[in-house]
C-alpha cells in the first residue's frame, strides 16, 4: 500500500491479497496479489482467497464499482505455482510461500 491509499475493511482477512481504496476515487478498489517472493504464483490457498475477494467486494456496502487488479513485486503473476501439490498431485512438495 502506498501513502495515499487506505486499507479496505476486508484487508486483514487475507494472507495473499492486499485490498485498498483511495479517498479521491471512492468507487475503485485496488486488489494487489501479494506473494512477491514467488512472483505472485498462485497456490491453492491463494486461488481460494482470490475467489473469496471477488465474491465479497462490492457486496458489503463499500461502494465498489470497479476493481483494479495488480501485483506486488517484480511480476504481476507468474501463473499457477507448479510446486503446489493441490494443483499438481505428482509434484514434490515445496515451501508454501
N, C-alpha and C. Protein backbone atom coordinates (compact mmCIF):
# COMPACT_ATOMS: atom_id res chain seq x y z
N UNK A 1 0.83 -1.17 0.00
CA UNK A 1 0.00 0.00 0.00
C UNK A 1 0.88 1.24 0.00
N UNK A 2 0.49 2.26 -0.74
CA UNK A 2 1.27 3.49 -0.72
C UNK A 2 0.64 4.49 0.24
N UNK A 3 1.25 5.65 0.37
CA UNK A 3 0.84 6.64 1.36
C UNK A 3 -0.55 7.20 1.14
N UNK A 4 -1.00 7.30 -0.10
CA UNK A 4 -2.29 7.90 -0.39
C UNK A 4 -3.45 6.91 -0.24
N UNK A 5 -3.16 5.63 -0.17
CA UNK A 5 -4.22 4.64 -0.09
C UNK A 5 -4.58 4.35 1.36
N UNK A 6 -5.75 3.77 1.52
CA UNK A 6 -6.15 3.33 2.86
C UNK A 6 -6.63 1.89 2.75
N UNK A 7 -6.41 1.10 3.81
CA UNK A 7 -6.81 -0.31 3.74
C UNK A 7 -8.33 -0.46 3.63
N UNK A 8 -8.74 -1.42 2.88
CA UNK A 8 -10.15 -1.78 2.76
C UNK A 8 -10.56 -2.51 4.03
N UNK A 9 -11.81 -2.43 4.45
CA UNK A 9 -12.24 -3.15 5.66
C UNK A 9 -11.96 -4.65 5.64
N UNK A 10 -11.87 -5.25 4.46
CA UNK A 10 -11.61 -6.69 4.35
C UNK A 10 -10.13 -7.05 4.34
N UNK A 11 -9.25 -6.06 4.27
CA UNK A 11 -7.83 -6.30 4.04
C UNK A 11 -7.21 -7.32 5.00
N UNK A 12 -7.54 -7.27 6.27
CA UNK A 12 -6.91 -8.14 7.26
C UNK A 12 -7.37 -9.59 7.19
N UNK A 13 -8.37 -9.89 6.38
CA UNK A 13 -8.89 -11.25 6.28
C UNK A 13 -8.09 -12.14 5.34
N UNK A 14 -7.15 -11.57 4.59
CA UNK A 14 -6.47 -12.33 3.56
C UNK A 14 -4.96 -12.32 3.73
N UNK A 15 -4.33 -13.44 3.43
CA UNK A 15 -2.88 -13.58 3.56
C UNK A 15 -2.14 -13.24 2.26
N UNK A 16 -2.75 -13.54 1.11
CA UNK A 16 -2.08 -13.40 -0.18
C UNK A 16 -2.59 -12.24 -1.02
N UNK A 17 -3.56 -11.50 -0.53
CA UNK A 17 -4.17 -10.42 -1.29
C UNK A 17 -4.23 -9.18 -0.40
N UNK A 18 -3.84 -8.05 -0.95
CA UNK A 18 -3.93 -6.76 -0.26
C UNK A 18 -5.03 -5.96 -0.93
N UNK A 19 -5.92 -5.38 -0.14
CA UNK A 19 -7.05 -4.63 -0.68
C UNK A 19 -7.00 -3.22 -0.12
N UNK A 20 -7.10 -2.24 -1.00
CA UNK A 20 -7.10 -0.86 -0.54
C UNK A 20 -7.98 0.01 -1.42
N UNK A 21 -8.24 1.20 -0.94
CA UNK A 21 -9.01 2.19 -1.69
C UNK A 21 -8.26 3.52 -1.61
N UNK A 22 -8.69 4.46 -2.43
CA UNK A 22 -8.13 5.80 -2.44
C UNK A 22 -9.27 6.78 -2.19
N UNK A 23 -9.13 7.69 -1.22
CA UNK A 23 -10.21 8.63 -0.93
C UNK A 23 -10.66 9.45 -2.14
N UNK A 24 -9.70 9.78 -3.05
CA UNK A 24 -10.07 10.59 -4.21
C UNK A 24 -10.89 9.83 -5.25
N UNK A 25 -10.84 8.51 -5.23
CA UNK A 25 -11.61 7.69 -6.18
C UNK A 25 -12.36 6.61 -5.39
N UNK A 26 -13.45 7.00 -4.73
CA UNK A 26 -14.12 6.13 -3.76
C UNK A 26 -14.76 4.86 -4.32
N UNK A 27 -15.05 4.82 -5.60
CA UNK A 27 -15.73 3.65 -6.15
C UNK A 27 -14.78 2.63 -6.76
N UNK A 28 -13.48 2.88 -6.63
CA UNK A 28 -12.46 1.97 -7.16
C UNK A 28 -11.77 1.26 -6.00
N UNK A 29 -11.71 -0.05 -6.08
CA UNK A 29 -11.00 -0.85 -5.08
C UNK A 29 -9.80 -1.49 -5.76
N UNK A 30 -8.64 -1.37 -5.12
CA UNK A 30 -7.42 -1.95 -5.67
C UNK A 30 -7.17 -3.28 -4.97
N UNK A 31 -7.02 -4.34 -5.76
CA UNK A 31 -6.69 -5.67 -5.24
C UNK A 31 -5.29 -6.00 -5.74
N UNK A 32 -4.36 -6.18 -4.80
CA UNK A 32 -2.98 -6.49 -5.16
C UNK A 32 -2.66 -7.92 -4.79
N UNK A 33 -2.18 -8.68 -5.74
CA UNK A 33 -1.67 -10.01 -5.46
C UNK A 33 -0.41 -9.81 -4.63
N UNK A 34 -0.30 -10.50 -3.51
CA UNK A 34 0.78 -10.19 -2.57
C UNK A 34 1.55 -11.45 -2.14
N UNK A 35 2.25 -12.02 -3.09
CA UNK A 35 3.15 -13.14 -2.84
C UNK A 35 4.42 -12.91 -3.66
N UNK A 36 5.08 -11.76 -3.45
CA UNK A 36 6.17 -11.35 -4.34
C UNK A 36 7.37 -12.29 -4.35
N UNK A 37 7.64 -13.00 -3.25
CA UNK A 37 8.79 -13.92 -3.24
C UNK A 37 8.62 -15.06 -4.23
N UNK A 38 7.37 -15.37 -4.58
CA UNK A 38 7.08 -16.41 -5.57
C UNK A 38 6.55 -15.78 -6.87
N UNK A 39 6.83 -14.49 -7.05
CA UNK A 39 6.37 -13.75 -8.24
C UNK A 39 4.86 -13.84 -8.40
N UNK A 40 4.18 -13.85 -7.25
CA UNK A 40 2.72 -13.92 -7.19
C UNK A 40 2.14 -15.17 -7.84
N UNK A 41 2.93 -16.25 -7.86
CA UNK A 41 2.41 -17.52 -8.37
C UNK A 41 1.27 -17.98 -7.46
N UNK A 42 0.25 -18.52 -8.06
CA UNK A 42 -0.97 -18.85 -7.34
C UNK A 42 -0.96 -20.30 -6.86
N UNK A 43 -0.94 -20.47 -5.54
CA UNK A 43 -1.10 -21.82 -4.97
C UNK A 43 -2.57 -22.01 -4.62
N UNK A 44 -2.94 -23.15 -4.09
CA UNK A 44 -4.36 -23.44 -3.85
C UNK A 44 -4.99 -22.48 -2.83
N UNK A 45 -4.25 -22.13 -1.77
CA UNK A 45 -4.79 -21.19 -0.78
C UNK A 45 -5.00 -19.81 -1.40
N UNK A 46 -4.06 -19.38 -2.21
CA UNK A 46 -4.13 -18.10 -2.91
C UNK A 46 -5.34 -18.11 -3.86
N UNK A 47 -5.51 -19.17 -4.59
CA UNK A 47 -6.64 -19.32 -5.52
C UNK A 47 -7.97 -19.15 -4.79
N UNK A 48 -8.09 -19.80 -3.63
CA UNK A 48 -9.32 -19.69 -2.84
C UNK A 48 -9.53 -18.26 -2.34
N UNK A 49 -8.46 -17.60 -1.92
CA UNK A 49 -8.57 -16.21 -1.46
C UNK A 49 -9.04 -15.28 -2.57
N UNK A 50 -8.47 -15.44 -3.75
CA UNK A 50 -8.86 -14.58 -4.87
C UNK A 50 -10.36 -14.72 -5.15
N UNK A 51 -10.83 -15.95 -5.15
CA UNK A 51 -12.26 -16.18 -5.36
C UNK A 51 -13.11 -15.52 -4.30
N UNK A 52 -12.67 -15.66 -3.06
CA UNK A 52 -13.42 -15.07 -1.94
C UNK A 52 -13.43 -13.54 -2.03
N UNK A 53 -12.30 -12.94 -2.37
CA UNK A 53 -12.23 -11.48 -2.51
C UNK A 53 -13.25 -11.00 -3.52
N UNK A 54 -13.30 -11.64 -4.69
CA UNK A 54 -14.20 -11.17 -5.74
C UNK A 54 -15.66 -11.53 -5.47
N UNK A 55 -15.93 -12.48 -4.60
CA UNK A 55 -17.31 -12.73 -4.17
C UNK A 55 -17.80 -11.64 -3.24
N UNK A 56 -16.90 -11.11 -2.41
CA UNK A 56 -17.28 -10.18 -1.35
C UNK A 56 -17.23 -8.72 -1.76
N UNK A 57 -16.19 -8.31 -2.48
CA UNK A 57 -16.03 -6.89 -2.83
C UNK A 57 -17.28 -6.39 -3.56
N UNK A 58 -17.75 -5.25 -3.13
CA UNK A 58 -18.92 -4.64 -3.75
C UNK A 58 -20.23 -5.11 -3.17
N UNK A 59 -20.20 -6.18 -2.40
CA UNK A 59 -21.46 -6.70 -1.84
C UNK A 59 -21.59 -6.36 -0.36
N UNK A 60 -20.63 -5.62 0.19
CA UNK A 60 -20.67 -5.31 1.62
C UNK A 60 -20.96 -3.84 1.89
N UNK A 61 -21.47 -3.12 0.90
CA UNK A 61 -21.77 -1.71 1.08
C UNK A 61 -20.55 -0.81 1.01
N UNK A 62 -19.49 -1.27 0.34
CA UNK A 62 -18.28 -0.47 0.24
C UNK A 62 -18.30 0.49 -0.95
N UNK A 63 -19.35 0.44 -1.75
CA UNK A 63 -19.48 1.36 -2.88
C UNK A 63 -18.62 1.02 -4.09
N UNK A 64 -18.01 -0.15 -4.09
CA UNK A 64 -17.12 -0.54 -5.18
C UNK A 64 -17.89 -0.74 -6.48
N UNK A 65 -17.40 -0.08 -7.54
CA UNK A 65 -17.95 -0.26 -8.88
C UNK A 65 -16.89 -0.74 -9.86
N UNK A 66 -15.63 -0.65 -9.44
CA UNK A 66 -14.53 -1.01 -10.31
C UNK A 66 -13.41 -1.62 -9.47
N UNK A 67 -12.80 -2.69 -9.98
CA UNK A 67 -11.67 -3.32 -9.29
C UNK A 67 -10.45 -3.21 -10.19
N UNK A 68 -9.36 -2.70 -9.62
CA UNK A 68 -8.09 -2.64 -10.31
C UNK A 68 -7.23 -3.77 -9.75
N UNK A 69 -6.90 -4.74 -10.58
CA UNK A 69 -6.11 -5.90 -10.15
C UNK A 69 -4.66 -5.69 -10.54
N UNK A 70 -3.77 -5.78 -9.57
CA UNK A 70 -2.35 -5.57 -9.80
C UNK A 70 -1.56 -6.54 -8.93
N UNK A 71 -0.25 -6.52 -9.06
CA UNK A 71 0.59 -7.42 -8.27
C UNK A 71 1.71 -6.68 -7.57
N UNK A 72 2.06 -7.10 -6.37
CA UNK A 72 3.21 -6.55 -5.66
C UNK A 72 4.48 -7.24 -6.15
N UNK A 73 5.58 -6.51 -6.17
CA UNK A 73 6.86 -7.09 -6.57
C UNK A 73 7.15 -6.93 -8.04
N UNK A 74 8.07 -7.75 -8.52
CA UNK A 74 8.59 -7.64 -9.89
C UNK A 74 7.64 -8.19 -10.96
N UNK A 75 6.68 -9.00 -10.57
CA UNK A 75 5.80 -9.61 -11.56
C UNK A 75 4.34 -9.44 -11.16
N UNK A 76 3.49 -9.29 -12.16
CA UNK A 76 2.05 -9.27 -11.88
C UNK A 76 1.64 -10.62 -11.32
N UNK A 77 1.91 -11.69 -12.09
CA UNK A 77 1.58 -13.04 -11.65
C UNK A 77 2.30 -14.03 -12.56
N UNK A 78 3.01 -14.95 -11.93
CA UNK A 78 3.76 -15.95 -12.69
C UNK A 78 2.87 -17.11 -13.13
N UNK A 79 1.61 -17.11 -12.72
CA UNK A 79 0.70 -18.20 -13.08
C UNK A 79 0.51 -19.14 -11.89
N UNK A 80 0.15 -20.37 -12.20
CA UNK A 80 -0.07 -21.38 -11.16
C UNK A 80 1.27 -21.83 -10.60
N UNK A 81 1.33 -21.98 -9.27
CA UNK A 81 2.54 -22.47 -8.60
C UNK A 81 2.67 -23.97 -8.87
N UNK A 82 3.59 -24.34 -9.76
CA UNK A 82 3.70 -25.75 -10.16
C UNK A 82 4.23 -26.64 -9.04
N UNK A 83 4.71 -26.06 -7.95
CA UNK A 83 5.16 -26.84 -6.81
C UNK A 83 4.05 -27.16 -5.82
N UNK A 84 2.85 -26.64 -6.07
CA UNK A 84 1.73 -26.87 -5.15
C UNK A 84 1.08 -28.21 -5.46
N UNK A 85 1.17 -29.14 -4.52
CA UNK A 85 0.64 -30.49 -4.76
C UNK A 85 -0.88 -30.51 -4.87
N UNK A 86 -1.56 -29.47 -4.40
CA UNK A 86 -3.02 -29.42 -4.55
C UNK A 86 -3.41 -29.25 -6.02
N UNK A 87 -2.58 -28.54 -6.79
CA UNK A 87 -2.84 -28.38 -8.22
C UNK A 87 -2.22 -29.50 -9.04
N UNK A 88 -1.05 -29.97 -8.59
CA UNK A 88 -0.32 -31.00 -9.32
C UNK A 88 0.06 -32.12 -8.36
N UNK A 89 -0.82 -33.10 -8.17
CA UNK A 89 -0.58 -34.15 -7.17
C UNK A 89 0.73 -34.91 -7.32
N UNK A 90 1.32 -34.93 -8.50
CA UNK A 90 2.57 -35.68 -8.68
C UNK A 90 3.81 -34.82 -8.40
N UNK A 91 3.61 -33.53 -8.13
CA UNK A 91 4.74 -32.63 -7.85
C UNK A 91 5.27 -32.89 -6.45
N UNK A 92 6.55 -32.63 -6.25
CA UNK A 92 7.11 -32.77 -4.91
C UNK A 92 6.76 -31.52 -4.11
N UNK A 93 6.45 -31.69 -2.82
CA UNK A 93 6.07 -30.53 -2.00
C UNK A 93 7.22 -29.54 -1.85
N UNK A 94 6.86 -28.25 -1.91
CA UNK A 94 7.84 -27.19 -1.68
C UNK A 94 7.25 -26.23 -0.65
N UNK A 95 8.00 -25.22 -0.33
CA UNK A 95 7.52 -24.21 0.61
C UNK A 95 6.24 -23.59 0.09
N UNK A 96 5.28 -23.29 0.98
CA UNK A 96 4.03 -22.68 0.56
C UNK A 96 4.16 -21.19 0.28
N UNK A 97 5.28 -20.62 0.63
CA UNK A 97 5.48 -19.20 0.33
C UNK A 97 6.78 -19.11 -0.38
